[in-house]
Amino acid sequence: MEQVCAIKCTKRWKALLTVVFIIISMVILSPKKVSAATGSINTTASVANIQKYGNVVLDIKSADLLSSGYEFGDILNVSFGEHNLKLPLCSNFSDVDTGAAGIFTKQEYALLAINMKDFATTYGIAVKNTAADNSVSWQAADGVTDQIKVSISLDTKGGYYDEYLMHQLSYTANREDYPNLSDAQFANFREVTTTGIGKGVLYRSASPINPVFNRNTYADAAIRQAKVTTIMNLADDPETVASFPNVDATYYSKQNYITLNMGVDVEAEDFGEKLAKGIRFFLSKPGVYLVHCTEGKDRAGFTIAVLECLMGASYDEVAADYMTTFYNYYGITADDERYNVILSKNLEKSLKHVFGVNHLRDTDLSEKAAEYLKTTGLSEEEISRLKQCLAGNAAVPATTEEMAPDTEVTSDTYIVKPGDTLSKIAREKYGDSQKWTDIFALNKDRISNPNRIYIGQKLKLANA
């Protein structure tokens, strides 16, 4: 009996020691995982530089950030200056909603960025300067003198993971990976055929000149076949266009095109101004027309949607055209659970904001699109001519100058400056802030909402 008991006791002790050994091994061999679970990971970095669209580059490599124990879908505490933010750790901008911030590892060095917005300006890190040729430079914001230190720590392990999964959309630059698509579909090229748009008048595509995603040669061949003559390039400036390889040999380079160098934030003050400039260019040149950005997805998707709404398309038509892009790149179809999520977090959100509505299906989208275009500086006459052009029955003016009324500043013209409101302008010009109503009444052809005026917008003033 004693021998049996000894054997049993020995087995119990061995089992207990085995459990203790496993626990100790986990602690010793996996310190980062345990640290992550308890929220004790801490990382420090500094701001290295700022990119074109206001993304803030840190001096910590993305690989080092990930190897420190953080994982995609974690929510991190990110502190700098007076800001204490809770940001999801993501691989790409599309992993968060439009207008949402995050810390991203899509490049060699980690980025602080806002999807389709400007992080540096939003958080007072730097001020953007745009030159006459649309080139962009940055300077430190007022009060920012020393190198900006950024503290990073774990807030919630996996707190954003479910949302992160829904945002996982990826595509390749390899034509052979899309055997079910035509060359035009691979280039995200198509005619816009929604209600009100004339046949063979308006097209959209990925860039026919930027080789970054390998769609350019296919897009250039497609616009040649469609006999496109006038192009709105939302993405680039002239120097960037000139830097693309073999650009002078393209069909694109022989056509009328304008480079607008837009940011990706459709709510930014200069987005509407640049859109108006592109539309005036369309009105000054003969169609067939093309709108493109780099992928033909975000900036082009929004611009085309506004034009479709203006011409009388239903929201379902606009949405179906918008989501065709996501089929061309990602294979997303209407029965995919991500289909409506993509719509609601991108196109629907943007249109609701700029149109100032809560619902799109029971709204007069044509009226709202016209109101929005007025806020960009377009006149009623220009919007009317745009509708005629897109319908395919408009005469083209002889010169660009003919389509640029009100470009000369006179004593009765006011150019909106940063920080201006109608009340402030009325106080400055008339000595009475309450006379903002007079300015509003005089400019109803270009202001639909008195709370929404834009830097650089030209307003008419009555003689004081």
Protein backbone atom coordinates (compact mmCIF):
# COMPACT_ATOMS: atom_id res chain seq x y z
CA MET A 1 0.00 0.00 0.00
CA GLU A 2 2.77 2.41 0.88
CA GLN A 3 4.40 1.74 -2.49
CA VAL A 4 1.17 2.47 -4.38
CA CYS A 5 0.66 5.71 -2.46
CA ALA A 6 4.20 6.83 -3.21
CA ILE A 7 3.68 6.24 -6.89
CA LYS A 8 0.44 8.24 -6.89
CA CYS A 9 1.97 11.11 -4.96
CA THR A 10 4.94 11.17 -7.29
CA LYS A 11 2.63 11.38 -10.32
CA ARG A 12 0.71 14.27 -8.76
CA TRP A 13 3.92 16.17 -8.06
CA LYS A 14 5.17 15.50 -11.59
CA ALA A 15 1.90 16.81 -13.03
CA LEU A 16 2.05 19.88 -10.83
CA LEU A 17 5.68 20.56 -11.73
CA THR A 18 4.82 20.17 -15.41
CA VAL A 19 2.11 22.85 -15.16
CA VAL A 20 4.47 25.20 -13.31
CA PHE A 21 7.16 24.60 -15.93
CA ILE A 22 4.75 25.43 -18.75
CA ILE A 23 3.66 28.66 -17.07
CA ILE A 24 7.25 29.73 -16.45
CA SER A 25 8.16 28.89 -20.06
CA MET A 26 5.30 31.01 -21.35
CA VAL A 27 6.45 33.97 -19.28
CA ILE A 28 10.10 33.58 -20.27
CA LEU A 29 9.66 32.69 -23.91
CA SER A 30 6.73 35.01 -24.73
CA PRO A 31 7.31 38.26 -22.84
CA LYS A 32 5.88 40.46 -25.63
CA LYS A 33 2.56 38.63 -25.76
CA VAL A 34 2.11 38.79 -22.00
CA SER A 35 3.13 42.45 -22.04
CA ALA A 36 0.61 43.12 -24.80
CA ALA A 37 -2.19 41.49 -22.86
CA THR A 38 -1.51 43.58 -19.77
CA GLY A 39 -1.16 46.84 -21.70
CA SER A 40 2.43 47.47 -20.64
CA ILE A 41 4.03 47.90 -24.08
CA ASN A 42 5.51 51.38 -24.43
CA THR A 43 7.15 52.88 -27.50
CA THR A 44 8.51 56.32 -28.22
CA ALA A 45 9.11 58.00 -31.59
CA SER A 46 9.59 61.41 -33.17
CA VAL A 47 8.02 63.14 -36.16
CA ALA A 48 10.43 62.71 -39.09
CA ASN A 49 8.58 64.52 -41.90
CA ILE A 50 5.18 65.26 -43.42
CA GLN A 51 3.92 63.87 -46.71
CA LYS A 52 1.95 65.60 -49.47
CA TYR A 53 -1.50 64.90 -48.03
CA GLY A 54 -0.62 65.68 -44.40
CA ASN A 55 0.39 62.20 -43.28
CA VAL A 56 2.91 62.39 -40.43
CA VAL A 57 5.92 60.08 -40.80
CA LEU A 58 7.46 58.78 -37.56
CA ASP A 59 11.08 57.75 -37.17
CA ILE A 60 10.15 54.22 -36.10
CA LYS A 61 10.09 51.51 -38.76
CA SER A 62 6.80 49.73 -39.27
CA ALA A 63 8.49 46.34 -38.79
CA ASP A 64 9.95 47.45 -35.46
CA LEU A 65 6.58 48.74 -34.27
CA LEU A 66 4.94 45.41 -35.06
CA SER A 67 7.76 43.35 -33.55
CA SER A 68 7.40 45.22 -30.26
CA GLY A 69 4.21 43.28 -29.57
CA TYR A 70 1.46 45.33 -31.18
CA GLU A 71 -0.87 43.66 -33.66
CA PHE A 72 -3.27 44.90 -36.32
CA GLY A 73 -6.60 45.67 -34.72
CA ASP A 74 -5.11 46.83 -31.41
CA ILE A 75 -6.15 50.26 -30.17
CA LEU A 76 -3.12 52.31 -29.13
CA ASN A 77 -2.70 55.37 -26.96
CA VAL A 78 -0.82 57.94 -29.07
CA SER A 79 0.24 61.09 -27.25
CA PHE A 80 2.06 64.18 -28.54
CA GLY A 81 1.91 67.78 -27.41
CA GLU A 82 -1.48 68.33 -25.84
CA HIS A 83 -3.11 65.48 -27.76
CA ASN A 84 -3.92 62.06 -26.31
CA LEU A 85 -5.49 59.92 -29.03
CA LYS A 86 -6.77 56.36 -29.13
CA LEU A 87 -5.87 55.07 -32.60
CA PRO A 88 -6.24 51.66 -34.22
CA LEU A 89 -3.09 50.04 -35.54
CA CYS A 90 -3.70 49.23 -39.19
CA SER A 91 -1.85 48.24 -42.32
CA ASN A 92 -3.48 50.66 -44.76
CA PHE A 93 -5.63 53.82 -44.81
CA SER A 94 -8.61 51.83 -46.07
CA ASP A 95 -8.60 49.88 -42.79
CA VAL A 96 -10.43 52.81 -41.15
CA ASP A 97 -13.49 54.83 -42.13
CA THR A 98 -13.28 58.00 -44.17
CA GLY A 99 -12.27 60.78 -41.80
CA ALA A 100 -10.94 58.39 -39.13
CA ALA A 101 -7.38 58.54 -37.82
CA GLY A 102 -5.00 55.66 -37.22
CA ILE A 103 -1.39 54.61 -36.98
CA PHE A 104 -0.45 52.86 -40.21
CA THR A 105 2.35 50.52 -41.31
CA LYS A 106 1.76 50.67 -45.08
CA GLN A 107 5.22 52.18 -45.68
CA GLU A 108 8.71 51.51 -44.33
CA TYR A 109 8.18 53.97 -41.49
CA ALA A 110 5.01 54.19 -39.40
CA LEU A 111 2.53 56.94 -40.25
CA LEU A 112 0.00 58.94 -38.26
CA ALA A 113 -2.75 59.71 -40.75
CA ILE A 114 -6.45 60.31 -41.30
CA ASN A 115 -8.17 58.42 -44.10
CA MET A 116 -8.95 61.03 -46.77
CA LYS A 117 -8.07 63.90 -44.42
CA ASP A 118 -5.02 65.88 -43.35
CA PHE A 119 -3.54 64.73 -40.01
CA ALA A 120 -0.82 67.41 -39.78
CA THR A 121 -3.29 70.27 -40.14
CA THR A 122 -6.04 68.68 -38.05
CA TYR A 123 -3.75 68.27 -35.05
CA GLY A 124 -1.83 71.53 -35.42
CA ILE A 125 1.51 69.99 -36.33
CA ALA A 126 2.16 71.93 -39.53
CA VAL A 127 0.65 74.35 -42.06
CA LYS A 128 0.31 73.45 -45.74
CA ASN A 129 1.38 75.91 -48.42
CA THR A 130 0.14 75.39 -51.98
CA ALA A 131 2.04 77.24 -54.72
CA ALA A 132 0.53 78.61 -57.94
CA ASP A 133 1.54 75.41 -59.76
CA ASN A 134 -0.29 73.35 -57.09
CA SER A 135 2.95 72.03 -55.55
CA VAL A 136 2.73 71.53 -51.78
CA SER A 137 5.18 72.37 -48.98
CA TRP A 138 4.88 72.34 -45.19
CA GLN A 139 6.06 74.57 -42.36
CA ALA A 140 5.79 74.13 -38.60
CA ALA A 141 2.57 75.43 -37.07
CA ASP A 142 2.64 78.36 -34.68
CA GLY A 143 4.10 77.29 -31.35
CA VAL A 144 5.74 74.17 -32.74
CA THR A 145 9.48 74.65 -32.40
CA ASP A 146 11.08 71.52 -30.96
CA GLN A 147 11.11 68.06 -32.43
CA ILE A 148 7.74 66.50 -31.72
CA LYS A 149 7.96 63.43 -29.49
CA VAL A 150 5.27 60.77 -29.78
CA SER A 151 4.48 58.28 -27.01
CA ILE A 152 2.78 55.04 -27.98
CA SER A 153 1.27 52.45 -25.63
CA LEU A 154 -1.40 49.77 -25.74
CA ASP A 155 -4.95 50.78 -24.85
CA THR A 156 -7.14 47.81 -25.85
CA LYS A 157 -5.79 44.54 -27.19
CA GLY A 158 -7.78 43.64 -30.32
CA GLY A 159 -10.26 46.44 -29.62
CA TYR A 160 -10.57 47.27 -33.32
CA TYR A 161 -9.99 43.80 -34.71
CA ASP A 162 -13.52 43.04 -35.97
CA GLU A 163 -13.68 46.40 -37.75
CA TYR A 164 -10.19 45.85 -39.13
CA LEU A 165 -11.25 42.55 -40.69
CA MET A 166 -14.13 44.25 -42.51
CA HIS A 167 -11.71 46.71 -44.06
CA GLN A 168 -9.39 44.09 -45.48
CA LEU A 169 -9.46 44.68 -49.19
CA SER A 170 -6.39 44.12 -51.31
CA TYR A 171 -5.50 43.89 -54.97
CA THR A 172 -2.43 43.31 -57.10
CA ALA A 173 -0.74 45.05 -60.01
CA ASN A 174 -0.52 41.82 -62.01
CA ARG A 175 -2.81 41.55 -65.01
CA GLU A 176 -2.71 37.74 -64.86
CA ASP A 177 -4.33 37.81 -61.42
CA TYR A 178 -7.57 39.06 -63.01
CA PRO A 179 -8.39 36.49 -65.72
CA ASN A 180 -12.12 37.23 -65.52
CA LEU A 181 -11.72 40.94 -66.25
CA SER A 182 -11.35 42.64 -69.61
CA ASP A 183 -8.39 44.99 -70.11
CA ALA A 184 -10.75 47.94 -69.65
CA GLN A 185 -12.08 46.52 -66.38
CA PHE A 186 -8.53 45.90 -65.16
CA ALA A 187 -7.87 49.61 -65.84
CA ASN A 188 -11.10 50.46 -63.95
CA PHE A 189 -12.18 52.17 -67.17
CA ARG A 190 -15.82 52.53 -68.11
CA GLU A 191 -18.35 54.84 -69.68
CA VAL A 192 -20.62 56.66 -67.26
CA THR A 193 -24.11 55.68 -68.37
CA THR A 194 -26.37 56.71 -65.50
CA THR A 195 -29.55 58.73 -66.05
CA GLY A 196 -29.03 62.03 -67.86
CA ILE A 197 -25.48 61.41 -69.11
CA GLY A 198 -25.24 61.42 -72.91
CA LYS A 199 -23.93 58.40 -74.76
CA GLY A 200 -20.18 58.47 -75.27
CA VAL A 201 -19.77 61.75 -73.33
CA LEU A 202 -18.20 60.90 -69.97
CA TYR A 203 -15.73 58.20 -68.89
CA ARG A 204 -13.81 57.33 -65.75
CA SER A 205 -10.70 55.25 -65.10
CA ALA A 206 -7.53 54.63 -63.19
CA SER A 207 -4.62 56.80 -64.25
CA PRO A 208 -3.62 56.32 -67.91
CA ILE A 209 -0.11 57.65 -67.14
CA ASN A 210 0.87 56.66 -63.58
CA PRO A 211 2.47 53.18 -63.66
CA VAL A 212 2.30 52.60 -59.89
CA PHE A 213 -0.50 50.01 -60.12
CA ASN A 214 0.27 48.81 -63.66
CA ARG A 215 -3.13 49.94 -64.97
CA ASN A 216 -1.81 52.89 -66.99
CA THR A 217 -1.12 51.26 -70.37
CA TYR A 218 -4.51 49.52 -70.32
CA ALA A 219 -6.24 52.78 -69.39
CA ASP A 220 -4.40 54.72 -72.10
CA ALA A 221 -5.47 52.14 -74.70
CA ALA A 222 -9.05 52.36 -73.46
CA ILE A 223 -9.27 56.16 -73.66
CA ARG A 224 -7.78 56.03 -77.15
CA GLN A 225 -10.50 53.61 -78.24
CA ALA A 226 -13.17 55.81 -76.65
CA LYS A 227 -11.68 58.88 -78.41
CA VAL A 228 -11.38 60.85 -75.19
CA THR A 229 -10.34 64.45 -75.88
CA THR A 230 -10.53 66.31 -72.56
CA ILE A 231 -9.22 64.97 -69.25
CA MET A 232 -9.58 66.01 -65.60
CA ASN A 233 -6.58 64.63 -63.68
CA LEU A 234 -7.48 64.91 -60.01
CA ALA A 235 -4.28 63.39 -58.65
CA ASP A 236 -1.16 65.00 -60.10
CA ASP A 237 0.67 68.26 -60.66
CA PRO A 238 2.56 69.09 -63.89
CA GLU A 239 5.95 68.04 -62.53
CA THR A 240 4.61 64.65 -61.46
CA VAL A 241 3.04 64.08 -64.87
CA ALA A 242 6.35 64.93 -66.55
CA SER A 243 8.16 62.43 -64.31
CA PHE A 244 6.12 59.42 -65.43
CA PRO A 245 8.08 57.13 -67.78
CA ASN A 246 7.29 57.42 -71.50
CA VAL A 247 4.45 59.84 -70.82
CA ASP A 248 5.17 61.76 -74.04
CA ALA A 249 4.46 58.62 -76.06
CA THR A 250 0.95 58.18 -74.63
CA TYR A 251 -2.33 59.02 -76.33
CA TYR A 252 -3.16 60.89 -73.11
CA SER A 253 -0.34 63.42 -73.54
CA LYS A 254 -1.74 64.56 -76.91
CA GLN A 255 -5.15 65.47 -75.47
CA ASN A 256 -6.43 68.43 -73.48
CA TYR A 257 -5.82 67.76 -69.80
CA ILE A 258 -5.70 69.68 -66.55
CA THR A 259 -3.77 68.65 -63.43
CA LEU A 260 -5.54 69.55 -60.17
CA ASN A 261 -3.31 67.87 -57.55
CA MET A 262 -6.29 67.34 -55.23
CA GLY A 263 -5.99 65.93 -51.75
CA VAL A 264 -8.13 62.94 -50.87
CA ASP A 265 -10.32 64.81 -48.37
CA VAL A 266 -13.48 65.82 -50.23
CA GLU A 267 -14.42 68.09 -47.32
CA ALA A 268 -11.19 70.11 -47.50
CA GLU A 269 -11.59 73.78 -48.39
CA ASP A 270 -9.48 73.56 -51.53
CA PHE A 271 -11.08 70.36 -52.86
CA GLY A 272 -14.17 72.21 -54.07
CA GLU A 273 -12.13 75.05 -55.53
CA LYS A 274 -10.04 72.63 -57.56
CA LEU A 275 -13.15 70.72 -58.65
CA ALA A 276 -14.64 73.98 -59.95
CA LYS A 277 -11.42 74.64 -61.84
CA GLY A 278 -11.62 71.20 -63.44
CA ILE A 279 -15.26 71.69 -64.41
CA ARG A 280 -14.50 75.05 -66.00
CA PHE A 281 -11.77 73.33 -67.97
CA PHE A 282 -14.33 70.80 -69.21
CA LEU A 283 -16.62 73.64 -70.23
CA SER A 284 -13.83 75.31 -72.20
CA LYS A 285 -12.81 72.26 -74.24
CA PRO A 286 -14.55 69.83 -76.56
CA GLY A 287 -15.71 66.49 -75.06
CA VAL A 288 -15.37 63.35 -74.94
CA TYR A 289 -14.51 63.73 -71.22
CA LEU A 290 -12.53 61.62 -68.76
CA VAL A 291 -12.19 61.93 -64.97
CA HIS A 292 -9.40 60.03 -63.24
CA CYS A 293 -7.22 60.02 -60.15
CA THR A 294 -4.66 57.31 -59.40
CA GLU A 295 -6.94 54.31 -58.90
CA GLY A 296 -10.15 55.94 -60.12
CA LYS A 297 -11.66 55.03 -56.77
CA ASP A 298 -11.86 57.81 -54.16
CA ARG A 299 -11.44 61.28 -55.70
CA ALA A 300 -12.76 60.16 -59.08
CA GLY A 301 -15.49 58.11 -57.40
CA PHE A 302 -16.78 61.14 -55.49
CA THR A 303 -16.47 63.53 -58.45
CA ILE A 304 -18.32 61.21 -60.81
CA ALA A 305 -20.99 60.59 -58.17
CA VAL A 306 -21.64 64.35 -57.85
CA LEU A 307 -21.92 64.68 -61.64
CA GLU A 308 -24.27 61.68 -61.82
CA CYS A 309 -26.45 63.14 -59.08
CA LEU A 310 -26.53 66.50 -60.87
CA MET A 311 -27.76 64.82 -64.03
CA GLY A 312 -30.66 63.08 -62.30
CA ALA A 313 -29.35 59.62 -61.43
CA SER A 314 -30.93 57.81 -58.50
CA TYR A 315 -28.80 56.90 -55.51
CA ASP A 316 -29.00 53.23 -56.46
CA GLU A 317 -27.59 54.03 -59.92
CA VAL A 318 -24.78 56.10 -58.41
CA ALA A 319 -24.01 53.42 -55.85
CA ALA A 320 -23.91 50.65 -58.46
CA ASP A 321 -21.44 52.60 -60.59
CA TYR A 322 -19.31 53.44 -57.56
CA MET A 323 -19.17 49.81 -56.45
CA THR A 324 -18.15 48.63 -59.92
CA THR A 325 -14.70 49.89 -58.97
CA PHE A 326 -14.65 47.56 -55.97
CA TYR A 327 -15.51 44.64 -58.22
CA ASN A 328 -12.73 45.58 -60.64
CA TYR A 329 -10.12 45.79 -57.88
CA TYR A 330 -11.36 43.42 -55.16
CA GLY A 331 -14.02 41.19 -56.68
CA ILE A 332 -16.70 42.60 -54.33
CA THR A 333 -20.20 41.81 -55.57
CA ALA A 334 -23.61 42.88 -54.28
CA ASP A 335 -24.06 39.66 -52.29
CA ASP A 336 -20.79 40.19 -50.41
CA GLU A 337 -21.41 41.29 -46.80
CA ARG A 338 -18.79 44.02 -47.25
CA TYR A 339 -20.66 45.63 -50.17
CA ASN A 340 -23.03 47.82 -48.14
CA VAL A 341 -20.39 48.45 -45.47
CA ILE A 342 -18.08 49.94 -48.12
CA LEU A 343 -20.88 52.10 -49.49
CA SER A 344 -21.99 53.41 -46.12
CA LYS A 345 -18.50 54.23 -44.90
CA ASN A 346 -17.30 55.90 -48.10
CA LEU A 347 -19.61 57.26 -50.79
CA GLU A 348 -22.75 57.50 -48.69
CA LYS A 349 -20.94 59.25 -45.85
CA SER A 350 -19.29 61.78 -48.17
CA LEU A 351 -22.46 62.60 -50.12
CA LYS A 352 -24.53 63.00 -46.97
CA HIS A 353 -21.99 65.44 -45.62
CA VAL A 354 -21.56 67.66 -48.68
CA PHE A 355 -25.28 67.57 -49.49
CA GLY A 356 -26.24 68.24 -45.86
CA VAL A 357 -28.82 65.42 -45.70
CA ASN A 358 -29.45 62.35 -43.58
CA HIS A 359 -31.02 60.23 -46.30
CA LEU A 360 -30.09 59.93 -49.97
CA ARG A 361 -32.89 57.84 -51.47
CA ASP A 362 -35.66 60.32 -50.59
CA THR A 363 -33.66 63.44 -51.54
CA ASP A 364 -33.61 65.46 -54.75
CA LEU A 365 -29.98 64.60 -55.53
CA SER A 366 -29.85 66.83 -58.61
CA GLU A 367 -30.83 69.87 -56.56
CA LYS A 368 -28.38 69.00 -53.78
CA ALA A 369 -25.55 68.45 -56.26
CA ALA A 370 -26.22 71.85 -57.82
CA GLU A 371 -26.20 73.47 -54.38
CA TYR A 372 -22.90 71.79 -53.57
CA LEU A 373 -21.34 72.92 -56.83
CA LYS A 374 -22.36 76.50 -56.05
CA THR A 375 -20.34 76.29 -52.84
CA THR A 376 -17.27 75.50 -54.97
CA GLY A 377 -17.64 78.86 -56.72
CA LEU A 378 -19.50 77.75 -59.84
CA SER A 379 -22.31 80.02 -60.98
CA GLU A 380 -25.81 78.89 -61.92
CA GLU A 381 -24.97 79.60 -65.55
CA GLU A 382 -21.87 77.41 -65.39
CA ILE A 383 -23.80 74.59 -63.73
CA SER A 384 -26.48 74.87 -66.40
CA ARG A 385 -23.86 74.63 -69.13
CA LEU A 386 -22.23 71.68 -67.38
CA LYS A 387 -25.55 69.84 -67.48
CA GLN A 388 -25.85 70.57 -71.19
CA CYS A 389 -22.30 69.33 -71.78
CA LEU A 390 -22.82 66.09 -69.88
CA ALA A 391 -26.10 65.52 -71.70
CA GLY A 392 -24.12 65.75 -74.94
CA ASN A 393 -25.80 68.76 -76.49
CA ALA A 394 -23.69 71.77 -75.48
CA ALA A 395 -21.68 74.07 -77.70
CA VAL A 396 -18.09 74.59 -76.55
CA PRO A 397 -16.83 78.17 -76.09
CA ALA A 398 -13.98 79.38 -78.23
CA THR A 399 -11.56 80.15 -75.41
CA THR A 400 -10.93 79.28 -71.78
CA GLU A 401 -11.17 82.97 -70.88
CA GLU A 402 -14.77 83.00 -72.01
CA MET A 403 -15.53 80.57 -69.21
CA ALA A 404 -13.78 82.49 -66.44
CA PRO A 405 -16.06 85.34 -65.34
CA ASP A 406 -15.30 87.19 -62.12
CA THR A 407 -11.60 86.32 -62.16
CA GLU A 408 -10.55 89.95 -61.94
CA VAL A 409 -10.68 91.34 -58.42
CA THR A 410 -12.34 94.77 -58.19
CA SER A 411 -13.34 97.03 -55.32
CA ASP A 412 -16.68 95.23 -55.27
CA THR A 413 -15.08 91.78 -55.02
CA TYR A 414 -13.83 90.10 -51.85
CA ILE A 415 -11.52 87.06 -51.73
CA VAL A 416 -12.23 84.85 -48.72
CA LYS A 417 -9.25 84.51 -46.37
CA PRO A 418 -8.49 81.91 -43.67
CA GLY A 419 -10.70 82.47 -40.63
CA ASP A 420 -13.30 84.51 -42.52
CA THR A 421 -17.01 84.29 -41.88
CA LEU A 422 -19.75 86.35 -43.48
CA SER A 423 -20.16 88.24 -40.20
CA LYS A 424 -16.45 89.00 -40.04
CA ILE A 425 -16.40 90.22 -43.66
CA ALA A 426 -19.48 92.40 -43.02
CA ARG A 427 -17.85 93.95 -39.97
CA GLU A 428 -14.63 94.60 -41.91
CA LYS A 429 -16.26 96.03 -45.03
CA TYR A 430 -19.44 97.64 -43.69
CA GLY A 431 -18.65 98.18 -40.01
CA ASP A 432 -21.65 96.06 -39.02
CA SER A 433 -21.44 92.29 -38.60
CA GLN A 434 -25.25 92.01 -38.94
CA LYS A 435 -24.95 92.99 -42.59
CA TRP A 436 -23.74 89.48 -43.37
CA THR A 437 -27.29 88.90 -44.62
CA ASP A 438 -26.68 91.49 -47.35
CA ILE A 439 -23.55 89.66 -48.49
CA PHE A 440 -25.40 86.35 -48.42
CA ALA A 441 -28.29 87.75 -50.47
CA LEU A 442 -25.89 89.20 -53.03
CA ASN A 443 -24.05 85.88 -53.45
CA LYS A 444 -26.84 83.30 -53.48
CA ASP A 445 -25.58 82.18 -56.87
CA ARG A 446 -22.38 80.96 -55.19
CA ILE A 447 -23.30 80.40 -51.51
CA SER A 448 -26.04 77.92 -50.59
CA ASN A 449 -25.17 77.79 -46.88
CA PRO A 450 -24.01 80.98 -45.10
CA ASN A 451 -21.88 78.88 -42.77
CA ARG A 452 -19.91 77.35 -45.65
CA ILE A 453 -17.56 79.70 -47.47
CA TYR A 454 -14.13 78.71 -48.72
CA ILE A 455 -10.66 80.20 -48.76
CA GLY A 456 -10.08 81.80 -52.16
CA GLN A 457 -13.80 82.05 -52.95
CA LYS A 458 -14.75 85.31 -54.69
CA LEU A 459 -17.72 87.15 -53.19
CA LYS A 460 -19.56 90.13 -54.58
CA LEU A 461 -19.95 93.14 -52.29
CA ALA A 462 -22.33 96.08 -52.56
CA ASN A 463 -20.79 99.51 -52.74
CA ALA A 464 -20.22 100.70 -49.18
